[in-house]
């Protein structure tokens, strides 16, 4: 990793701040180093959480239970998780002061692909919104009353003369 003062200089130079005076660097360096340490600490916490989450998924058999296919909501949550992971890789690359041209094309292509899939499943999600709302209401309240708008359904006996 680059020296913190060099990263500090690059950051201030990229946002147009004057870095000619050594006094401002000397004054801000301790705070900047503190912020870098905080970022490292938070990254370690996120890594620990993601690894425990990943092991929980494998231990509970959630990832293996998709043999009949994958539900729309599961697909969306997996895509959002993967999208955030790839976005974090891009952000980490930029924080380290590296140009995006050094980033693997796979990460950028995967971000684009995931974004397109998320946009394409939106109409499917809108079509199933009624069912999802009904199931969420049923899960939160325990029952759906007969007067609730989500309880209306077609009655085939009304079609027979």
N, C-alpha and C. Protein backbone atom coordinates (compact mmCIF):
# COMPACT_ATOMS: atom_id res chain seq x y z
N UNK A 1 0.85 -1.18 0.00
CA UNK A 1 0.00 0.00 0.00
C UNK A 1 0.89 1.24 0.00
N UNK A 2 0.41 2.29 -0.62
CA UNK A 2 1.18 3.53 -0.73
C UNK A 2 1.34 4.18 0.64
N UNK A 3 2.36 4.97 0.77
CA UNK A 3 2.61 5.68 2.02
C UNK A 3 1.44 6.64 2.29
N UNK A 4 0.97 6.74 3.55
CA UNK A 4 -0.20 7.57 3.86
C UNK A 4 -0.07 9.04 3.45
N UNK A 5 1.13 9.59 3.55
CA UNK A 5 1.29 11.00 3.17
C UNK A 5 1.12 11.15 1.66
N UNK A 6 1.60 10.17 0.90
CA UNK A 6 1.43 10.21 -0.55
C UNK A 6 -0.05 10.09 -0.92
N UNK A 7 -0.78 9.20 -0.23
CA UNK A 7 -2.22 9.07 -0.46
C UNK A 7 -2.92 10.38 -0.11
N UNK A 8 -2.52 10.99 1.00
CA UNK A 8 -3.09 12.26 1.43
C UNK A 8 -2.87 13.32 0.34
N UNK A 9 -1.64 13.39 -0.17
CA UNK A 9 -1.33 14.36 -1.21
C UNK A 9 -2.17 14.13 -2.46
N UNK A 10 -2.25 12.86 -2.88
CA UNK A 10 -3.05 12.54 -4.07
C UNK A 10 -4.51 12.92 -3.88
N UNK A 11 -5.04 12.62 -2.70
CA UNK A 11 -6.45 12.94 -2.42
C UNK A 11 -6.68 14.45 -2.49
N UNK A 12 -5.87 15.23 -1.81
CA UNK A 12 -6.05 16.67 -1.81
C UNK A 12 -5.81 17.27 -3.19
N UNK A 13 -4.86 16.71 -3.91
CA UNK A 13 -4.59 17.21 -5.25
C UNK A 13 -5.77 16.88 -6.19
N UNK A 14 -6.38 15.69 -6.00
CA UNK A 14 -7.49 15.29 -6.88
C UNK A 14 -8.74 16.13 -6.65
N UNK A 15 -8.91 16.67 -5.44
CA UNK A 15 -10.09 17.51 -5.20
C UNK A 15 -9.76 18.99 -5.32
N UNK A 16 -8.54 19.30 -5.76
CA UNK A 16 -8.19 20.68 -6.08
C UNK A 16 -7.70 21.50 -4.90
N UNK A 17 -7.32 20.87 -3.79
CA UNK A 17 -6.82 21.64 -2.66
C UNK A 17 -5.34 21.94 -2.86
N UNK A 18 -4.91 23.03 -2.30
CA UNK A 18 -3.51 23.44 -2.40
C UNK A 18 -2.68 22.61 -1.43
N UNK A 19 -1.73 21.87 -1.93
CA UNK A 19 -0.88 21.04 -1.09
C UNK A 19 0.57 21.50 -1.14
N UNK A 20 0.77 22.74 -1.54
CA UNK A 20 2.14 23.26 -1.65
C UNK A 20 2.77 23.49 -0.30
N UNK A 21 1.98 23.89 0.69
CA UNK A 21 2.56 24.20 1.98
C UNK A 21 2.71 22.93 2.80
N UNK A 22 3.85 22.77 3.37
CA UNK A 22 4.11 21.62 4.22
C UNK A 22 3.38 21.69 5.53
N UNK A 23 2.98 22.93 5.94
CA UNK A 23 2.29 23.09 7.22
C UNK A 23 0.94 22.39 7.22
N UNK A 24 0.19 22.52 6.13
CA UNK A 24 -1.14 21.91 6.11
C UNK A 24 -1.03 20.38 6.14
N UNK A 25 -0.02 19.85 5.48
CA UNK A 25 0.17 18.40 5.51
C UNK A 25 0.56 17.96 6.90
N UNK A 26 1.46 18.69 7.53
CA UNK A 26 1.90 18.33 8.87
C UNK A 26 0.76 18.42 9.87
N UNK A 27 -0.14 19.39 9.69
CA UNK A 27 -1.27 19.56 10.60
C UNK A 27 -2.31 18.46 10.41
N UNK A 28 -2.56 18.09 9.16
CA UNK A 28 -3.64 17.15 8.87
C UNK A 28 -3.21 15.69 8.87
N UNK A 29 -1.92 15.43 8.86
CA UNK A 29 -1.45 14.05 8.76
C UNK A 29 -1.93 13.17 9.91
N UNK A 30 -1.85 13.60 11.17
CA UNK A 30 -2.35 12.71 12.24
C UNK A 30 -3.83 12.36 12.09
N UNK A 31 -4.64 13.33 11.74
CA UNK A 31 -6.07 13.07 11.55
C UNK A 31 -6.29 12.13 10.36
N UNK A 32 -5.52 12.35 9.30
CA UNK A 32 -5.63 11.51 8.12
C UNK A 32 -5.24 10.07 8.44
N UNK A 33 -4.16 9.89 9.21
CA UNK A 33 -3.73 8.55 9.60
C UNK A 33 -4.77 7.87 10.49
N UNK A 34 -5.40 8.66 11.34
CA UNK A 34 -6.47 8.13 12.19
C UNK A 34 -7.65 7.65 11.35
N UNK A 35 -8.01 8.44 10.34
CA UNK A 35 -9.10 8.05 9.45
C UNK A 35 -8.75 6.80 8.66
N UNK A 36 -7.51 6.69 8.20
CA UNK A 36 -7.08 5.48 7.48
C UNK A 36 -7.17 4.25 8.38
N UNK A 37 -6.76 4.41 9.64
CA UNK A 37 -6.85 3.28 10.58
C UNK A 37 -8.30 2.90 10.83
N UNK A 38 -9.18 3.90 10.90
CA UNK A 38 -10.61 3.61 11.08
C UNK A 38 -11.16 2.85 9.88
N UNK A 39 -10.73 3.24 8.69
CA UNK A 39 -11.18 2.54 7.47
C UNK A 39 -10.69 1.10 7.51
N UNK A 40 -9.44 0.88 7.90
CA UNK A 40 -8.91 -0.48 7.97
C UNK A 40 -9.69 -1.30 8.99
N UNK A 41 -10.02 -0.71 10.12
CA UNK A 41 -10.78 -1.41 11.15
C UNK A 41 -12.17 -1.79 10.64
N UNK A 42 -12.83 -0.87 9.97
CA UNK A 42 -14.17 -1.15 9.45
C UNK A 42 -14.12 -2.19 8.34
N UNK A 43 -13.08 -2.17 7.51
CA UNK A 43 -12.94 -3.18 6.47
C UNK A 43 -12.76 -4.56 7.09
N UNK A 44 -11.97 -4.64 8.17
CA UNK A 44 -11.79 -5.92 8.86
C UNK A 44 -13.10 -6.42 9.44
N UNK A 45 -13.91 -5.50 9.99
CA UNK A 45 -15.22 -5.89 10.54
C UNK A 45 -16.13 -6.42 9.43
N UNK A 46 -16.12 -5.75 8.28
CA UNK A 46 -16.95 -6.19 7.16
C UNK A 46 -16.49 -7.55 6.67
N UNK A 47 -15.17 -7.75 6.56
CA UNK A 47 -14.65 -9.05 6.13
C UNK A 47 -15.09 -10.16 7.08
N UNK A 48 -15.00 -9.88 8.38
CA UNK A 48 -15.40 -10.87 9.38
C UNK A 48 -16.89 -11.18 9.27
N UNK A 49 -17.71 -10.15 9.09
CA UNK A 49 -19.15 -10.35 8.96
C UNK A 49 -19.49 -11.15 7.71
N UNK A 50 -18.86 -10.81 6.59
CA UNK A 50 -19.15 -11.50 5.33
C UNK A 50 -18.72 -12.96 5.42
N UNK A 51 -17.58 -13.23 6.03
CA UNK A 51 -17.14 -14.63 6.14
C UNK A 51 -18.06 -15.41 7.07
N UNK A 52 -18.52 -14.81 8.17
CA UNK A 52 -19.45 -15.52 9.05
C UNK A 52 -20.79 -15.71 8.36
N UNK A 53 -21.24 -14.72 7.58
CA UNK A 53 -22.49 -14.83 6.84
C UNK A 53 -22.38 -15.94 5.79
N UNK A 54 -21.26 -15.98 5.11
CA UNK A 54 -21.03 -17.01 4.09
C UNK A 54 -21.03 -18.39 4.72
N UNK A 55 -20.35 -18.55 5.85
CA UNK A 55 -20.34 -19.86 6.50
C UNK A 55 -21.72 -20.23 7.03
N UNK A 56 -22.51 -19.26 7.47
CA UNK A 56 -23.88 -19.52 7.91
C UNK A 56 -24.72 -20.02 6.74
N UNK A 57 -24.56 -19.40 5.58
CA UNK A 57 -25.30 -19.85 4.40
C UNK A 57 -24.96 -21.30 4.06
N UNK A 58 -23.69 -21.65 4.15
CA UNK A 58 -23.29 -23.02 3.84
C UNK A 58 -23.73 -23.99 4.93
N UNK A 59 -23.63 -23.59 6.21
CA UNK A 59 -24.01 -24.47 7.31
C UNK A 59 -25.50 -24.76 7.32
N UNK A 60 -26.31 -23.75 7.00
CA UNK A 60 -27.76 -23.92 7.00
C UNK A 60 -28.25 -24.60 5.73
N UNK A 61 -27.39 -24.77 4.76
CA UNK A 61 -27.77 -25.43 3.51
C UNK A 61 -28.60 -24.56 2.60
N UNK A 62 -28.56 -23.27 2.81
CA UNK A 62 -29.38 -22.36 1.99
C UNK A 62 -28.88 -22.36 0.55
N UNK A 63 -27.58 -22.35 0.37
CA UNK A 63 -27.04 -22.31 -0.98
C UNK A 63 -27.27 -23.62 -1.72
N UNK A 64 -27.29 -24.73 -1.00
CA UNK A 64 -27.47 -26.03 -1.65
C UNK A 64 -28.94 -26.36 -1.88
N UNK A 65 -29.87 -25.64 -1.24
CA UNK A 65 -31.29 -25.99 -1.32
C UNK A 65 -31.96 -25.44 -2.57
N UNK A 66 -31.21 -24.95 -3.50
CA UNK A 66 -31.79 -24.35 -4.70
C UNK A 66 -31.85 -25.34 -5.86
N UNK A 67 -32.04 -26.63 -5.59
CA UNK A 67 -32.00 -27.63 -6.66
C UNK A 67 -33.18 -27.51 -7.62
N UNK A 68 -34.36 -27.04 -7.14
CA UNK A 68 -35.52 -26.89 -8.02
C UNK A 68 -35.49 -25.58 -8.79
N UNK A 69 -34.59 -24.75 -8.49
CA UNK A 69 -34.52 -23.44 -9.12
C UNK A 69 -34.35 -22.39 -8.03
N UNK A 70 -34.32 -21.16 -8.44
CA UNK A 70 -34.10 -20.08 -7.49
C UNK A 70 -35.27 -19.11 -7.57
N UNK A 71 -35.73 -18.68 -6.43
CA UNK A 71 -36.88 -17.78 -6.42
C UNK A 71 -36.45 -16.37 -6.84
N UNK A 72 -37.42 -15.60 -7.22
CA UNK A 72 -37.16 -14.24 -7.67
C UNK A 72 -36.53 -13.40 -6.57
N UNK A 73 -37.05 -13.52 -5.36
CA UNK A 73 -36.52 -12.73 -4.25
C UNK A 73 -35.12 -13.18 -3.85
N UNK A 74 -34.87 -14.48 -3.91
CA UNK A 74 -33.52 -14.98 -3.62
C UNK A 74 -32.54 -14.48 -4.68
N UNK A 75 -32.97 -14.53 -5.93
CA UNK A 75 -32.12 -14.04 -7.01
C UNK A 75 -31.77 -12.57 -6.80
N UNK A 76 -32.77 -11.79 -6.45
CA UNK A 76 -32.53 -10.36 -6.24
C UNK A 76 -31.59 -10.12 -5.07
N UNK A 77 -31.77 -10.85 -3.97
CA UNK A 77 -30.88 -10.64 -2.82
C UNK A 77 -29.46 -11.08 -3.13
N UNK A 78 -29.30 -12.19 -3.86
CA UNK A 78 -27.96 -12.63 -4.25
C UNK A 78 -27.30 -11.62 -5.19
N UNK A 79 -28.08 -11.11 -6.13
CA UNK A 79 -27.54 -10.12 -7.06
C UNK A 79 -27.13 -8.84 -6.33
N UNK A 80 -27.96 -8.38 -5.41
CA UNK A 80 -27.62 -7.17 -4.66
C UNK A 80 -26.37 -7.38 -3.81
N UNK A 81 -26.25 -8.55 -3.21
CA UNK A 81 -25.06 -8.85 -2.42
C UNK A 81 -23.81 -8.87 -3.30
N UNK A 82 -23.89 -9.55 -4.44
CA UNK A 82 -22.75 -9.62 -5.34
C UNK A 82 -22.42 -8.24 -5.92
N UNK A 83 -23.46 -7.47 -6.23
CA UNK A 83 -23.27 -6.11 -6.75
C UNK A 83 -22.53 -5.25 -5.73
N UNK A 84 -22.92 -5.35 -4.46
CA UNK A 84 -22.25 -4.58 -3.41
C UNK A 84 -20.81 -5.03 -3.21
N UNK A 85 -20.55 -6.33 -3.33
CA UNK A 85 -19.19 -6.83 -3.20
C UNK A 85 -18.31 -6.27 -4.31
N UNK A 86 -18.80 -6.33 -5.55
CA UNK A 86 -18.02 -5.81 -6.67
C UNK A 86 -17.86 -4.29 -6.60
N UNK A 87 -18.89 -3.61 -6.13
CA UNK A 87 -18.79 -2.16 -5.96
C UNK A 87 -17.75 -1.83 -4.88
N UNK A 88 -17.69 -2.66 -3.84
CA UNK A 88 -16.68 -2.46 -2.79
C UNK A 88 -15.27 -2.65 -3.34
N UNK A 89 -15.12 -3.59 -4.28
CA UNK A 89 -13.81 -3.78 -4.90
C UNK A 89 -13.39 -2.53 -5.67
N UNK A 90 -14.33 -1.92 -6.38
CA UNK A 90 -14.03 -0.70 -7.13
C UNK A 90 -13.67 0.43 -6.17
N UNK A 91 -14.44 0.57 -5.10
CA UNK A 91 -14.17 1.64 -4.12
C UNK A 91 -12.82 1.42 -3.46
N UNK A 92 -12.51 0.18 -3.09
CA UNK A 92 -11.22 -0.13 -2.49
C UNK A 92 -10.08 0.24 -3.44
N UNK A 93 -10.27 -0.06 -4.70
CA UNK A 93 -9.27 0.26 -5.72
C UNK A 93 -9.03 1.78 -5.78
N UNK A 94 -10.13 2.53 -5.74
CA UNK A 94 -10.01 3.99 -5.81
C UNK A 94 -9.41 4.56 -4.53
N UNK A 95 -9.75 3.99 -3.37
CA UNK A 95 -9.21 4.47 -2.09
C UNK A 95 -7.71 4.24 -2.03
N UNK A 96 -7.27 3.14 -2.61
CA UNK A 96 -5.84 2.85 -2.62
C UNK A 96 -5.07 3.74 -3.60
N UNK A 97 -5.78 4.56 -4.36
CA UNK A 97 -5.14 5.48 -5.28
C UNK A 97 -4.75 4.86 -6.60
N UNK A 98 -5.26 3.67 -6.88
CA UNK A 98 -4.93 3.01 -8.14
C UNK A 98 -5.92 3.44 -9.21
N UNK A 99 -5.47 3.55 -10.45
CA UNK A 99 -6.41 3.89 -11.53
C UNK A 99 -7.33 2.71 -11.83
N UNK A 100 -8.52 3.02 -12.28
CA UNK A 100 -9.49 1.96 -12.59
C UNK A 100 -9.05 1.11 -13.77
N UNK A 101 -8.12 1.61 -14.56
CA UNK A 101 -7.65 0.83 -15.70
C UNK A 101 -6.90 -0.43 -15.25
N UNK A 102 -6.37 -0.42 -14.00
CA UNK A 102 -5.69 -1.60 -13.48
C UNK A 102 -6.66 -2.63 -12.93
N UNK A 103 -7.91 -2.24 -12.73
CA UNK A 103 -8.92 -3.16 -12.21
C UNK A 103 -9.29 -4.16 -13.30
N UNK A 104 -9.50 -5.38 -12.90
CA UNK A 104 -9.85 -6.43 -13.87
C UNK A 104 -11.14 -6.06 -14.58
N UNK A 105 -11.18 -6.32 -15.87
CA UNK A 105 -12.39 -6.06 -16.65
C UNK A 105 -13.54 -6.92 -16.18
N UNK A 106 -13.24 -8.06 -15.57
CA UNK A 106 -14.29 -8.95 -15.08
C UNK A 106 -15.17 -8.26 -14.04
N UNK A 107 -14.56 -7.47 -13.17
CA UNK A 107 -15.32 -6.81 -12.11
C UNK A 107 -16.29 -5.78 -12.72
N UNK A 108 -15.79 -4.99 -13.63
CA UNK A 108 -16.64 -3.98 -14.27
C UNK A 108 -17.74 -4.65 -15.10
N UNK A 109 -17.38 -5.68 -15.86
CA UNK A 109 -18.38 -6.40 -16.66
C UNK A 109 -19.43 -7.05 -15.79
N UNK A 110 -19.00 -7.59 -14.66
CA UNK A 110 -19.95 -8.23 -13.75
C UNK A 110 -20.88 -7.19 -13.13
N UNK A 111 -20.35 -6.01 -12.80
CA UNK A 111 -21.20 -4.93 -12.29
C UNK A 111 -22.26 -4.55 -13.32
N UNK A 112 -21.86 -4.44 -14.55
CA UNK A 112 -22.80 -4.08 -15.62
C UNK A 112 -23.85 -5.18 -15.79
N UNK A 113 -23.40 -6.43 -15.82
CA UNK A 113 -24.32 -7.55 -16.00
C UNK A 113 -25.33 -7.61 -14.86
N UNK A 114 -24.86 -7.44 -13.62
CA UNK A 114 -25.76 -7.50 -12.46
C UNK A 114 -26.76 -6.34 -12.50
N UNK A 115 -26.31 -5.19 -12.91
CA UNK A 115 -27.21 -4.04 -13.00
C UNK A 115 -28.31 -4.28 -14.04
N UNK A 116 -27.93 -4.86 -15.18
CA UNK A 116 -28.90 -5.16 -16.23
C UNK A 116 -29.92 -6.19 -15.75
N UNK A 117 -29.44 -7.24 -15.07
CA UNK A 117 -30.35 -8.26 -14.57
C UNK A 117 -31.30 -7.67 -13.54
N UNK A 118 -30.78 -6.83 -12.65
CA UNK A 118 -31.65 -6.19 -11.65
C UNK A 118 -32.71 -5.33 -12.32
N UNK A 119 -32.35 -4.65 -13.39
CA UNK A 119 -33.34 -3.83 -14.11
C UNK A 119 -34.35 -4.69 -14.84
N UNK A 120 -33.93 -5.85 -15.33
CA UNK A 120 -34.84 -6.72 -16.09
C UNK A 120 -35.79 -7.50 -15.20
N UNK A 121 -35.43 -7.74 -13.93
CA UNK A 121 -36.35 -8.47 -13.06
C UNK A 121 -37.37 -7.54 -12.41
N UNK A 122 -37.19 -6.24 -12.58
CA UNK A 122 -38.13 -5.29 -11.99
C UNK A 122 -39.57 -5.52 -12.49
N UNK A 123 -39.82 -5.72 -13.81
CA UNK A 123 -41.20 -6.00 -14.24
C UNK A 123 -41.77 -7.28 -13.63
N UNK A 124 -40.94 -8.31 -13.48
CA UNK A 124 -41.40 -9.54 -12.85
C UNK A 124 -41.77 -9.29 -11.38
N UNK A 125 -40.97 -8.45 -10.75
CA UNK A 125 -41.25 -8.12 -9.36
C UNK A 125 -42.56 -7.35 -9.23
N UNK A 126 -42.83 -6.48 -10.19
CA UNK A 126 -44.08 -5.72 -10.16
C UNK A 126 -45.28 -6.65 -10.38
N UNK A 127 -45.11 -7.68 -11.23
CA UNK A 127 -46.19 -8.62 -11.47
C UNK A 127 -46.50 -9.47 -10.24
N UNK A 128 -45.49 -9.76 -9.44
CA UNK A 128 -45.69 -10.59 -8.25
C UNK A 128 -45.88 -9.76 -6.99
N UNK A 129 -45.96 -8.45 -7.13
CA UNK A 129 -46.10 -7.57 -5.97
C UNK A 129 -47.31 -7.92 -5.13
N UNK A 130 -48.43 -8.22 -5.77
CA UNK A 130 -49.65 -8.57 -5.06
C UNK A 130 -49.42 -9.81 -4.18
N UNK A 131 -48.83 -10.85 -4.76
CA UNK A 131 -48.58 -12.07 -4.00
C UNK A 131 -47.60 -11.83 -2.87
N UNK A 132 -46.56 -11.06 -3.13
CA UNK A 132 -45.56 -10.77 -2.11
C UNK A 132 -46.20 -9.99 -0.97
N UNK A 133 -47.00 -8.96 -1.30
CA UNK A 133 -47.67 -8.18 -0.26
C UNK A 133 -48.60 -9.04 0.57
N UNK A 134 -49.32 -9.94 -0.08
CA UNK A 134 -50.24 -10.81 0.63
C UNK A 134 -49.47 -11.73 1.59
N UNK A 135 -48.37 -12.30 1.14
CA UNK A 135 -47.57 -13.18 1.99
C UNK A 135 -46.92 -12.42 3.14
N UNK A 136 -46.46 -11.20 2.88
CA UNK A 136 -45.86 -10.40 3.95
C UNK A 136 -46.92 -10.04 4.99
N UNK A 137 -48.10 -9.67 4.54
CA UNK A 137 -49.18 -9.35 5.47
C UNK A 137 -49.56 -10.58 6.29
N UNK A 138 -49.63 -11.72 5.64
CA UNK A 138 -49.95 -12.95 6.33
C UNK A 138 -48.87 -13.30 7.36
N UNK A 139 -47.61 -13.08 7.00
CA UNK A 139 -46.51 -13.39 7.91
C UNK A 139 -46.47 -12.44 9.11
N UNK A 140 -46.81 -11.17 8.90
CA UNK A 140 -46.72 -10.21 10.00
C UNK A 140 -47.93 -10.27 10.92
N UNK A 141 -49.14 -10.45 10.36
CA UNK A 141 -50.34 -10.43 11.20
C UNK A 141 -50.81 -11.83 11.58
N UNK A 142 -50.43 -12.82 10.83
CA UNK A 142 -50.86 -14.18 11.13
C UNK A 142 -52.07 -14.60 10.32
N UNK A 143 -52.96 -13.66 10.03
CA UNK A 143 -54.15 -13.96 9.22
C UNK A 143 -54.45 -12.76 8.34
N UNK A 144 -55.24 -13.04 7.32
CA UNK A 144 -55.71 -11.96 6.46
C UNK A 144 -57.22 -11.93 6.61
N UNK A 145 -57.75 -10.78 7.05
CA UNK A 145 -59.20 -10.68 7.25
C UNK A 145 -59.91 -10.68 5.90
N UNK A 146 -61.18 -11.05 5.92
CA UNK A 146 -61.94 -11.13 4.67
C UNK A 146 -62.21 -9.76 4.08
N UNK A 147 -62.11 -8.71 4.88
CA UNK A 147 -62.33 -7.36 4.35
C UNK A 147 -61.06 -6.71 3.83
N UNK A 148 -59.94 -7.34 4.07
CA UNK A 148 -58.66 -6.78 3.62
C UNK A 148 -58.58 -6.88 2.10
N UNK A 149 -58.11 -5.84 1.41
CA UNK A 149 -58.05 -5.86 -0.06
C UNK A 149 -57.21 -7.00 -0.63
N UNK A 150 -56.24 -7.48 0.12
CA UNK A 150 -55.39 -8.56 -0.39
C UNK A 150 -56.07 -9.93 -0.32
N UNK A 151 -57.24 -10.01 0.34
CA UNK A 151 -57.92 -11.29 0.46
C UNK A 151 -58.87 -11.56 -0.69
N UNK A 152 -59.10 -10.59 -1.55
CA UNK A 152 -60.00 -10.79 -2.68
C UNK A 152 -59.37 -11.73 -3.70
N UNK A 153 -60.18 -12.66 -4.16
CA UNK A 153 -59.74 -13.59 -5.19
C UNK A 153 -60.95 -14.00 -6.01
N UNK A 154 -60.73 -14.53 -7.18
CA UNK A 154 -61.88 -14.91 -8.00
C UNK A 154 -62.65 -16.08 -7.38
N UNK A 155 -63.94 -16.05 -7.55
CA UNK A 155 -64.79 -17.12 -7.07
C UNK A 155 -65.38 -17.83 -8.28
N UNK A 156 -64.90 -19.04 -8.61
CA UNK A 156 -65.37 -19.75 -9.81
C UNK A 156 -66.85 -20.08 -9.77
N UNK A 157 -67.46 -20.20 -8.61
CA UNK A 157 -68.89 -20.54 -8.54
C UNK A 157 -69.78 -19.43 -9.09
N UNK A 158 -69.28 -18.22 -9.12
CA UNK A 158 -70.04 -17.11 -9.70
C UNK A 158 -70.06 -17.15 -11.23
N UNK A 159 -69.17 -17.92 -11.83
CA UNK A 159 -69.10 -18.02 -13.28
C UNK A 159 -70.08 -19.04 -13.86
N UNK A 160 -70.50 -19.99 -13.05
CA UNK A 160 -71.40 -21.04 -13.51
C UNK A 160 -72.84 -20.55 -13.39
N UNK A 161 -73.66 -20.67 -14.47
CA UNK A 161 -75.04 -20.16 -14.40
C UNK A 161 -75.96 -21.08 -13.61
